[in-house]
């Protein structure tokens, strides 16, 4: 059992480790559980065999005890028949003595077999306790294995997220953002500059046009005045 205790101590110590560090403990635990189940099956087979022997032995002891009682009953019956004249008393006593001897043999054998049955029953009780312990251990390790697998999946997810975060260069990202900010500000400045230039060009052009138009108006007025003079209107 200490083997599995060490496995789960490793799992506890590696609670925040990456998933691949859990793979070996998981495989080892799975194999350990399979071995325990094989041991459980063998123990249950042995338990069934010992129980069967205990049952047969106990039954044999009971049969010998009953047989001893039967021999005693037969000895009494022989003496009763001799007393009633159905048998010769001397022959009846001889046969009764033989019956009582067999009774003693069966009684002694019954005691011996009963003691043997008791030993088998004690062994069966011991095996039953071991079977119960193995069953409990298998259940406990299977539950721990479920927890270990869940922790492995959590560790794998955490590792994946951390790897993704590790690939993000905060310095590079800030530099990129600063570069983009500078570019935006530069574009905004250029836009304002082009707007100012367009406004300035338009103003100069308007002034030139105004001056030209002003000159044209003056010339036209002088021509009109000259024409009036020629016509004698003035």
C-alpha atoms as a PDB file:
ATOM      1  CA  UNK A   1       0.000   0.000   0.000  1.00  0.00           C
ATOM      2  CA  UNK A   2       2.906   2.328   0.653  1.00  0.00           C
ATOM      3  CA  UNK A   3       3.664   2.174  -3.074  1.00  0.00           C
ATOM      4  CA  UNK A   4       0.369   3.873  -3.859  1.00  0.00           C
ATOM      5  CA  UNK A   5       0.779   6.297  -0.982  1.00  0.00           C
ATOM      6  CA  UNK A   6       4.035   7.470  -2.552  1.00  0.00           C
ATOM      7  CA  UNK A   7       2.303   7.878  -5.911  1.00  0.00           C
ATOM      8  CA  UNK A   8      -0.355  10.162  -4.483  1.00  0.00           C
ATOM      9  CA  UNK A   9       2.195  12.082  -2.444  1.00  0.00           C
ATOM     10  CA  UNK A  10       3.952  12.769  -5.731  1.00  0.00           C
ATOM     11  CA  UNK A  11       0.620  13.968  -7.147  1.00  0.00           C
ATOM     12  CA  UNK A  12       0.110  16.291  -4.168  1.00  0.00           C
ATOM     13  CA  UNK A  13       3.627  17.695  -4.450  1.00  0.00           C
ATOM     14  CA  UNK A  14       3.144  18.324  -8.174  1.00  0.00           C
ATOM     15  CA  UNK A  15      -0.210  20.100  -7.836  1.00  0.00           C
ATOM     16  CA  UNK A  16       0.934  23.036  -9.961  1.00  0.00           C
ATOM     17  CA  UNK A  17       3.192  21.111 -12.338  1.00  0.00           C
ATOM     18  CA  UNK A  18       2.524  20.753 -16.060  1.00  0.00           C
ATOM     19  CA  UNK A  19       0.364  17.914 -17.360  1.00  0.00           C
ATOM     20  CA  UNK A  20       3.155  15.710 -18.655  1.00  0.00           C
ATOM     21  CA  UNK A  21       4.499  15.391 -15.123  1.00  0.00           C
ATOM     22  CA  UNK A  22       1.214  13.750 -14.212  1.00  0.00           C
ATOM     23  CA  UNK A  23       1.327  11.190 -16.992  1.00  0.00           C
ATOM     24  CA  UNK A  24       3.679   8.764 -15.253  1.00  0.00           C
ATOM     25  CA  UNK A  25       1.867   8.820 -11.878  1.00  0.00           C
ATOM     26  CA  UNK A  26      -1.443   8.320 -13.681  1.00  0.00           C
ATOM     27  CA  UNK A  27      -0.137   5.352 -15.658  1.00  0.00           C
ATOM     28  CA  UNK A  28       1.515   3.908 -12.570  1.00  0.00           C
ATOM     29  CA  UNK A  29      -1.674   4.319 -10.573  1.00  0.00           C
ATOM     30  CA  UNK A  30      -3.776   2.727 -13.306  1.00  0.00           C
ATOM     31  CA  UNK A  31      -1.387  -0.242 -13.406  1.00  0.00           C
ATOM     32  CA  UNK A  32      -1.395  -0.424  -9.612  1.00  0.00           C
ATOM     33  CA  UNK A  33      -5.189  -0.501  -9.563  1.00  0.00           C
ATOM     34  CA  UNK A  34      -5.188  -3.266 -12.196  1.00  0.00           C
ATOM     35  CA  UNK A  35      -2.734  -5.235 -10.047  1.00  0.00           C
ATOM     36  CA  UNK A  36      -4.894  -4.667  -6.973  1.00  0.00           C
ATOM     37  CA  UNK A  37      -7.962  -5.883  -8.849  1.00  0.00           C
ATOM     38  CA  UNK A  38      -6.061  -9.006  -9.882  1.00  0.00           C
ATOM     39  CA  UNK A  39      -5.042  -9.506  -6.247  1.00  0.00           C
ATOM     40  CA  UNK A  40      -8.659  -8.955  -5.227  1.00  0.00           C
ATOM     41  CA  UNK A  41      -9.853 -11.571  -7.683  1.00  0.00           C
ATOM     42  CA  UNK A  42      -7.251 -14.071  -6.435  1.00  0.00           C
ATOM     43  CA  UNK A  43      -8.133 -13.295  -2.812  1.00  0.00           C
ATOM     44  CA  UNK A  44     -11.842 -13.781  -3.500  1.00  0.00           C
ATOM     45  CA  UNK A  45     -11.114 -17.106  -5.190  1.00  0.00           C
ATOM     46  CA  UNK A  46      -9.041 -18.220  -2.173  1.00  0.00           C
ATOM     47  CA  UNK A  47     -11.761 -16.973   0.162  1.00  0.00           C
ATOM     48  CA  UNK A  48     -14.402 -18.987  -1.672  1.00  0.00           C
ATOM     49  CA  UNK A  49     -12.214 -22.119  -1.558  1.00  0.00           C
ATOM     50  CA  UNK A  50     -11.444 -21.754   2.157  1.00  0.00           C
ATOM     51  CA  UNK A  51     -15.102 -21.066   2.941  1.00  0.00           C
ATOM     52  CA  UNK A  52     -16.083 -24.155   0.994  1.00  0.00           C
ATOM     53  CA  UNK A  53     -13.539 -26.244   2.933  1.00  0.00           C
ATOM     54  CA  UNK A  54     -14.774 -24.776   6.224  1.00  0.00           C
ATOM     55  CA  UNK A  55     -18.380 -25.586   5.312  1.00  0.00           C
ATOM     56  CA  UNK A  56     -17.523 -29.150   4.276  1.00  0.00           C
ATOM     57  CA  UNK A  57     -15.387 -29.691   7.379  1.00  0.00           C
ATOM     58  CA  UNK A  58     -18.065 -28.304   9.688  1.00  0.00           C
ATOM     59  CA  UNK A  59     -20.655 -30.518   8.000  1.00  0.00           C
ATOM     60  CA  UNK A  60     -18.330 -33.511   8.366  1.00  0.00           C
ATOM     61  CA  UNK A  61     -17.871 -32.750  12.077  1.00  0.00           C
ATOM     62  CA  UNK A  62     -21.644 -32.541  12.531  1.00  0.00           C
ATOM     63  CA  UNK A  63     -22.106 -35.829  10.659  1.00  0.00           C
ATOM     64  CA  UNK A  64     -19.519 -37.576  12.855  1.00  0.00           C
ATOM     65  CA  UNK A  65     -21.178 -36.204  15.974  1.00  0.00           C
ATOM     66  CA  UNK A  66     -24.541 -37.512  14.752  1.00  0.00           C
ATOM     67  CA  UNK A  67     -22.939 -40.840  13.863  1.00  0.00           C
ATOM     68  CA  UNK A  68     -21.477 -41.095  17.361  1.00  0.00           C
ATOM     69  CA  UNK A  69     -24.911 -40.463  18.818  1.00  0.00           C
ATOM     70  CA  UNK A  70     -26.362 -43.082  16.471  1.00  0.00           C
ATOM     71  CA  UNK A  71     -23.825 -45.705  17.631  1.00  0.00           C
ATOM     72  CA  UNK A  72     -24.793 -44.968  21.227  1.00  0.00           C
ATOM     73  CA  UNK A  73     -28.455 -45.348  20.303  1.00  0.00           C
ATOM     74  CA  UNK A  74     -27.702 -48.701  18.605  1.00  0.00           C
ATOM     75  CA  UNK A  75     -25.796 -49.932  21.669  1.00  0.00           C
ATOM     76  CA  UNK A  76     -28.797 -49.098  23.833  1.00  0.00           C
ATOM     77  CA  UNK A  77     -31.134 -50.807  21.347  1.00  0.00           C
ATOM     78  CA  UNK A  78     -28.991 -53.984  21.407  1.00  0.00           C
ATOM     79  CA  UNK A  79     -29.132 -54.109  25.198  1.00  0.00           C
ATOM     80  CA  UNK A  80     -32.898 -53.497  25.146  1.00  0.00           C
ATOM     81  CA  UNK A  81     -33.417 -56.381  22.706  1.00  0.00           C
ATOM     82  CA  UNK A  82     -31.231 -58.660  24.782  1.00  0.00           C
ATOM     83  CA  UNK A  83     -33.206 -57.653  27.857  1.00  0.00           C
ATOM     84  CA  UNK A  84     -36.378 -58.493  26.007  1.00  0.00           C
ATOM     85  CA  UNK A  85     -35.019 -61.894  25.015  1.00  0.00           C
ATOM     86  CA  UNK A  86     -34.691 -61.122  21.331  1.00  0.00           C
ATOM     87  CA  UNK A  87     -30.892 -61.392  21.489  1.00  0.00           C
ATOM     88  CA  UNK A  88     -28.407 -63.323  23.555  1.00  0.00           C
ATOM     89  CA  UNK A  89     -27.256 -61.011  26.345  1.00  0.00           C
ATOM     90  CA  UNK A  90     -23.601 -61.928  25.920  1.00  0.00           C
ATOM     91  CA  UNK A  91     -23.762 -61.287  22.146  1.00  0.00           C
ATOM     92  CA  UNK A  92     -25.736 -58.107  22.687  1.00  0.00           C
ATOM     93  CA  UNK A  93     -23.151 -56.859  25.174  1.00  0.00           C
ATOM     94  CA  UNK A  94     -20.345 -57.660  22.742  1.00  0.00           C
ATOM     95  CA  UNK A  95     -22.045 -55.799  19.912  1.00  0.00           C
ATOM     96  CA  UNK A  96     -23.009 -52.934  22.193  1.00  0.00           C
ATOM     97  CA  UNK A  97     -19.390 -52.661  23.294  1.00  0.00           C
ATOM     98  CA  UNK A  98     -18.311 -52.498  19.653  1.00  0.00           C
ATOM     99  CA  UNK A  99     -20.953 -49.842  18.981  1.00  0.00           C
ATOM    100  CA  UNK A 100     -19.787 -47.790  21.940  1.00  0.00           C
ATOM    101  CA  UNK A 101     -16.184 -48.091  20.701  1.00  0.00           C
ATOM    102  CA  UNK A 102     -17.244 -46.822  17.310  1.00  0.00           C
ATOM    103  CA  UNK A 103     -19.211 -44.088  19.069  1.00  0.00           C
ATOM    104  CA  UNK A 104     -16.068 -42.969  20.892  1.00  0.00           C
ATOM    105  CA  UNK A 105     -14.083 -42.998  17.656  1.00  0.00           C
ATOM    106  CA  UNK A 106     -16.679 -40.915  15.854  1.00  0.00           C
ATOM    107  CA  UNK A 107     -16.998 -38.543  18.801  1.00  0.00           C
ATOM    108  CA  UNK A 108     -13.227 -38.004  18.901  1.00  0.00           C
ATOM    109  CA  UNK A 109     -13.135 -37.593  15.149  1.00  0.00           C
ATOM    110  CA  UNK A 110     -16.005 -35.130  15.353  1.00  0.00           C
ATOM    111  CA  UNK A 111     -14.069 -33.013  17.864  1.00  0.00           C
ATOM    112  CA  UNK A 112     -10.945 -33.109  15.692  1.00  0.00           C
ATOM    113  CA  UNK A 113     -12.810 -32.210  12.525  1.00  0.00           C
ATOM    114  CA  UNK A 114     -14.733 -29.458  14.344  1.00  0.00           C
ATOM    115  CA  UNK A 115     -11.405 -27.938  15.451  1.00  0.00           C
ATOM    116  CA  UNK A 116     -10.179 -28.140  11.856  1.00  0.00           C
ATOM    117  CA  UNK A 117     -13.383 -26.462  10.683  1.00  0.00           C
ATOM    118  CA  UNK A 118     -12.842 -23.703  13.227  1.00  0.00           C
ATOM    119  CA  UNK A 119      -9.330 -23.095  11.868  1.00  0.00           C
ATOM    120  CA  UNK A 120     -10.703 -22.906   8.326  1.00  0.00           C
ATOM    121  CA  UNK A 121     -13.412 -20.507   9.478  1.00  0.00           C
ATOM    122  CA  UNK A 122     -10.822 -18.284  11.157  1.00  0.00           C
ATOM    123  CA  UNK A 123      -8.748 -18.337   7.970  1.00  0.00           C
ATOM    124  CA  UNK A 124     -11.851 -17.464   5.956  1.00  0.00           C
ATOM    125  CA  UNK A 125     -12.558 -14.546   8.305  1.00  0.00           C
ATOM    126  CA  UNK A 126      -8.984 -13.334   7.839  1.00  0.00           C
ATOM    127  CA  UNK A 127      -9.263 -13.610   4.073  1.00  0.00           C
ATOM    128  CA  UNK A 128     -12.601 -11.797   4.180  1.00  0.00           C
ATOM    129  CA  UNK A 129     -10.973  -8.921   6.085  1.00  0.00           C
ATOM    130  CA  UNK A 130      -8.179  -8.781   3.485  1.00  0.00           C
ATOM    131  CA  UNK A 131     -10.710  -8.824   0.659  1.00  0.00           C
ATOM    132  CA  UNK A 132     -12.599  -5.947   2.298  1.00  0.00           C
ATOM    133  CA  UNK A 133      -9.354  -3.984   2.670  1.00  0.00           C
ATOM    134  CA  UNK A 134      -8.423  -4.532  -0.973  1.00  0.00           C
ATOM    135  CA  UNK A 135     -11.925  -3.527  -2.085  1.00  0.00           C
ATOM    136  CA  UNK A 136     -11.703  -0.365   0.002  1.00  0.00           C
ATOM    137  CA  UNK A 137      -8.215   0.375  -1.355  1.00  0.00           C
ATOM    138  CA  UNK A 138      -9.362  -0.098  -4.963  1.00  0.00           C
ATOM    139  CA  UNK A 139     -12.319   2.233  -4.418  1.00  0.00           C
ATOM    140  CA  UNK A 140     -10.116   4.843  -2.743  1.00  0.00           C
ATOM    141  CA  UNK A 141      -7.434   4.699  -5.433  1.00  0.00           C
ATOM    142  CA  UNK A 142     -10.014   4.876  -8.210  1.00  0.00           C
ATOM    143  CA  UNK A 143     -11.445   8.027  -6.601  1.00  0.00           C
ATOM    144  CA  UNK A 144      -7.945   9.465  -6.235  1.00  0.00           C
ATOM    145  CA  UNK A 145      -7.248   8.603  -9.863  1.00  0.00           C
ATOM    146  CA  UNK A 146     -10.316  10.590 -10.959  1.00  0.00           C
ATOM    147  CA  UNK A 147      -8.981  13.556  -8.971  1.00  0.00           C
ATOM    148  CA  UNK A 148      -5.497  13.100 -10.405  1.00  0.00           C
ATOM    149  CA  UNK A 149      -6.824  13.027 -13.968  1.00  0.00           C
ATOM    150  CA  UNK A 150      -8.864  16.180 -13.329  1.00  0.00           C
ATOM    151  CA  UNK A 151      -5.772  17.895 -11.945  1.00  0.00           C
ATOM    152  CA  UNK A 152      -3.813  16.765 -14.990  1.00  0.00           C
ATOM    153  CA  UNK A 153      -6.417  18.293 -17.315  1.00  0.00           C
ATOM    154  CA  UNK A 154      -6.395  21.502 -15.279  1.00  0.00           C
ATOM    155  CA  UNK A 155      -2.604  21.597 -15.402  1.00  0.00           C
ATOM    156  CA  UNK A 156      -2.665  21.043 -19.176  1.00  0.00           C
ATOM    157  CA  UNK A 157      -5.139  23.895 -19.663  1.00  0.00           C
ATOM    158  CA  UNK A 158      -3.136  26.153 -17.364  1.00  0.00           C
ATOM    159  CA  UNK A 159       0.056  25.304 -19.209  1.00  0.00           C
ATOM    160  CA  UNK A 160      -1.557  26.084 -22.561  1.00  0.00           C
ATOM    161  CA  UNK A 161      -2.821  29.438 -21.330  1.00  0.00           C
ATOM    162  CA  UNK A 162       0.529  30.277 -19.757  1.00  0.00           C
ATOM    163  CA  UNK A 163       2.337  29.327 -22.960  1.00  0.00           C
ATOM    164  CA  UNK A 164       0.045  31.594 -24.933  1.00  0.00           C
ATOM    165  CA  UNK A 165       0.629  34.413 -22.480  1.00  0.00           C
ATOM    166  CA  UNK A 166       4.369  33.780 -22.547  1.00  0.00           C
ATOM    167  CA  UNK A 167       4.392  34.211 -26.310  1.00  0.00           C
ATOM    168  CA  UNK A 168       2.945  37.718 -25.888  1.00  0.00           C
ATOM    169  CA  UNK A 169       5.916  40.125 -25.589  1.00  0.00           C
ATOM    170  CA  UNK A 170       4.686  42.939 -23.388  1.00  0.00           C
ATOM    171  CA  UNK A 171       7.672  45.135 -24.306  1.00  0.00           C
ATOM    172  CA  UNK A 172       7.152  44.478 -28.004  1.00  0.00           C
ATOM    173  CA  UNK A 173       3.433  45.129 -27.665  1.00  0.00           C
ATOM    174  CA  UNK A 174       4.020  48.466 -25.942  1.00  0.00           C
ATOM    175  CA  UNK A 175       6.581  49.407 -28.575  1.00  0.00           C
ATOM    176  CA  UNK A 176       4.100  48.553 -31.313  1.00  0.00           C
ATOM    177  CA  UNK A 177       1.400  50.608 -29.617  1.00  0.00           C
ATOM    178  CA  UNK A 178       3.766  53.571 -29.278  1.00  0.00           C
ATOM    179  CA  UNK A 179       4.699  53.240 -32.944  1.00  0.00           C
ATOM    180  CA  UNK A 180       1.034  53.157 -33.950  1.00  0.00           C
ATOM    181  CA  UNK A 181       0.349  56.175 -31.734  1.00  0.00           C
ATOM    182  CA  UNK A 182       3.207  58.081 -33.340  1.00  0.00           C
ATOM    183  CA  UNK A 183       1.967  57.139 -36.814  1.00  0.00           C
ATOM    184  CA  UNK A 184      -1.567  58.277 -35.978  1.00  0.00           C
ATOM    185  CA  UNK A 185      -0.314  61.534 -34.565  1.00  0.00           C
ATOM    186  CA  UNK A 186       1.883  62.025 -37.631  1.00  0.00           C
ATOM    187  CA  UNK A 187      -1.072  61.380 -39.946  1.00  0.00           C
ATOM    188  CA  UNK A 188      -3.200  63.781 -37.952  1.00  0.00           C
ATOM    189  CA  UNK A 189      -0.478  66.458 -38.158  1.00  0.00           C
ATOM    190  CA  UNK A 190      -0.127  65.943 -41.899  1.00  0.00           C
ATOM    191  CA  UNK A 191      -3.874  66.210 -42.330  1.00  0.00           C
ATOM    192  CA  UNK A 192      -3.902  69.511 -40.442  1.00  0.00           C
ATOM    193  CA  UNK A 193      -0.913  70.761 -42.439  1.00  0.00           C
ATOM    194  CA  UNK A 194      -2.530  69.877 -45.744  1.00  0.00           C
ATOM    195  CA  UNK A 195      -5.698  71.574 -44.585  1.00  0.00           C
ATOM    196  CA  UNK A 196      -3.799  74.742 -43.671  1.00  0.00           C
ATOM    197  CA  UNK A 197      -1.999  74.657 -47.014  1.00  0.00           C
ATOM    198  CA  UNK A 198      -5.247  74.254 -48.880  1.00  0.00           C
ATOM    199  CA  UNK A 199      -6.778  77.169 -46.986  1.00  0.00           C
ATOM    200  CA  UNK A 200      -3.717  79.346 -47.571  1.00  0.00           C
ATOM    201  CA  UNK A 201      -3.633  78.575 -51.290  1.00  0.00           C
ATOM    202  CA  UNK A 202      -7.315  79.350 -51.597  1.00  0.00           C
ATOM    203  CA  UNK A 203      -6.893  82.700 -49.819  1.00  0.00           C
ATOM    204  CA  UNK A 204      -4.001  83.790 -52.048  1.00  0.00           C
ATOM    205  CA  UNK A 205      -5.903  82.727 -55.119  1.00  0.00           C
ATOM    206  CA  UNK A 206      -8.928  84.727 -53.982  1.00  0.00           C
ATOM    207  CA  UNK A 207      -6.779  87.803 -53.445  1.00  0.00           C
ATOM    208  CA  UNK A 208      -5.243  87.456 -56.904  1.00  0.00           C
ATOM    209  CA  UNK A 209      -8.639  86.997 -58.476  1.00  0.00           C
ATOM    210  CA  UNK A 210     -10.035  89.971 -56.587  1.00  0.00           C
ATOM    211  CA  UNK A 211      -7.133  92.126 -57.729  1.00  0.00           C
ATOM    212  CA  UNK A 212      -7.594  91.027 -61.326  1.00  0.00           C
ATOM    213  CA  UNK A 213     -11.272  91.613 -61.257  1.00  0.00           C
ATOM    214  CA  UNK A 214     -10.698  94.977 -59.664  1.00  0.00           C
ATOM    215  CA  UNK A 215      -8.349  95.915 -62.486  1.00  0.00           C
ATOM    216  CA  UNK A 216     -10.844  94.772 -65.102  1.00  0.00           C
ATOM    217  CA  UNK A 217     -13.580  96.899 -63.545  1.00  0.00           C
ATOM    218  CA  UNK A 218     -11.413  99.993 -63.613  1.00  0.00           C
ATOM    219  CA  UNK A 219     -10.486  99.479 -67.271  1.00  0.00           C
ATOM    220  CA  UNK A 220     -14.105  98.943 -68.286  1.00  0.00           C
ATOM    221  CA  UNK A 221     -15.204 102.132 -66.552  1.00  0.00           C
ATOM    222  CA  UNK A 222     -12.505 104.145 -68.328  1.00  0.00           C
ATOM    223  CA  UNK A 223     -13.530 102.701 -71.680  1.00  0.00           C
ATOM    224  CA  UNK A 224     -17.135 103.588 -71.037  1.00  0.00           C
ATOM    225  CA  UNK A 225     -16.186 107.132 -70.172  1.00  0.00           C
ATOM    226  CA  UNK A 226     -14.109 107.437 -73.350  1.00  0.00           C
ATOM    227  CA  UNK A 227     -16.965 106.124 -75.453  1.00  0.00           C
ATOM    228  CA  UNK A 228     -19.366 108.647 -73.976  1.00  0.00           C
ATOM    229  CA  UNK A 229     -16.945 111.414 -74.840  1.00  0.00           C
ATOM    230  CA  UNK A 230     -16.757 110.218 -78.428  1.00  0.00           C
ATOM    231  CA  UNK A 231     -20.500 110.106 -78.675  1.00  0.00           C
ATOM    232  CA  UNK A 232     -20.815 113.599 -77.231  1.00  0.00           C
ATOM    233  CA  UNK A 233     -22.890 112.350 -74.397  1.00  0.00           C
ATOM    234  CA  UNK A 234     -20.591 114.029 -71.975  1.00  0.00           C
END
